């Protein structure tokens, strides 16, 4: 194996490397070569192609764990895709790059199209020169030799927390691509297209059944994560029973299907304010403004309750968009009496502040949410 040690990003790491080296986040997408890697033989040489031993089991295992899989292969697209279909495995792949360009360009394109950091991408190829080319241009990508294919599910890099949403991840991305295709064909303003999706956003108190997905969101989300702090299952369970905390999970559906649980917010009730300790949303829904809608809903609830709103923010390599969202919402660093007597922010964390105003409900989707710090958890429409 040619192991590429990933650099630390905003995502909390889950794989520990050798002592003294940084840990790497779990793999979110594996990119496969085809000839003599996924299958035995070479397509252009008209070999009698069969899957390499153990490959089908690896495809199924990674898919069930929510690890996406793609292709970077030098072949004619139609011929290669037809062979994948004949072998019964085409359904496992998203965004295949089959052509005659460099493998590193294909792997980079997959990462960019999925909006994944390169240190969450892995590449497998039987040719040392191809792995070296990818490693040279994309040093954060982990590279594996083809004989290792059957053993990949046993590696810590490929063993993330598995949730119900994880098992549907490939389907959710395929639904995402259909939405994008529909948008490209839509003639009219973006706002009209968003209305046509018939989106329904639900904010609810998390319960024990949600904890695995909530923890996963704190691990996997980097661009739309205000702090990059990982909350473990034990941390979250403790907060569920803390009367001064609200753990909120956001789900979204539309006419194409369910996006699943795509957002988490952690609120702490203080004497004269609410503190937003964590806000994170999946990059899959960034184009729909779900993070902004969630932030505005919280600000609206704070305004109704007559309290100020604070928000923790820790700048990372990838979450600049979250800082922009907070600033655009009106958060600043000015002092306020509501902060008197509070514990200071931890090192590296800014404590932003907002005097909230009532917010109008969005025009492009419906939103329901609970009354915060109330015994009634029934969701009511935002109006």
Foldseek 3Di string as FASTA:
>chain_A
DQFQAADDFLFDAQADDPPPGDGFHAAQEEEEEDDCFQWDHDVVVVDPIAGDPQQVVLLVLLLQQLRAYEYDYADDVVSVLVVCVVNVNNLRHDPYHYHHDQSLVSQVVVCVVQVHDQLNYEYEEQDPVNQVVNCVVRSSYTYYHRVCNNVVCVDSSRDAQGAPCSNCNSVLVVLLVVLVVVVVVDPDDPLVSLQQQQKEKEKFFDDLNCLSVVQVQLRRFGQFKFRSDGQDSVNVVVQSPDLQKTWIWMWMATPSGTNGTFWIWIWGDDDAEIETEIITGHPSCVVVVPSLLVVLVVLQLRVVVNGKYKYKGADIPRHVVNVVSCVVQPWDQDDDPVCPPPDDDDPRIGITIGRGDHDQHDPSYWYWFANPSDPDRDTDTRD
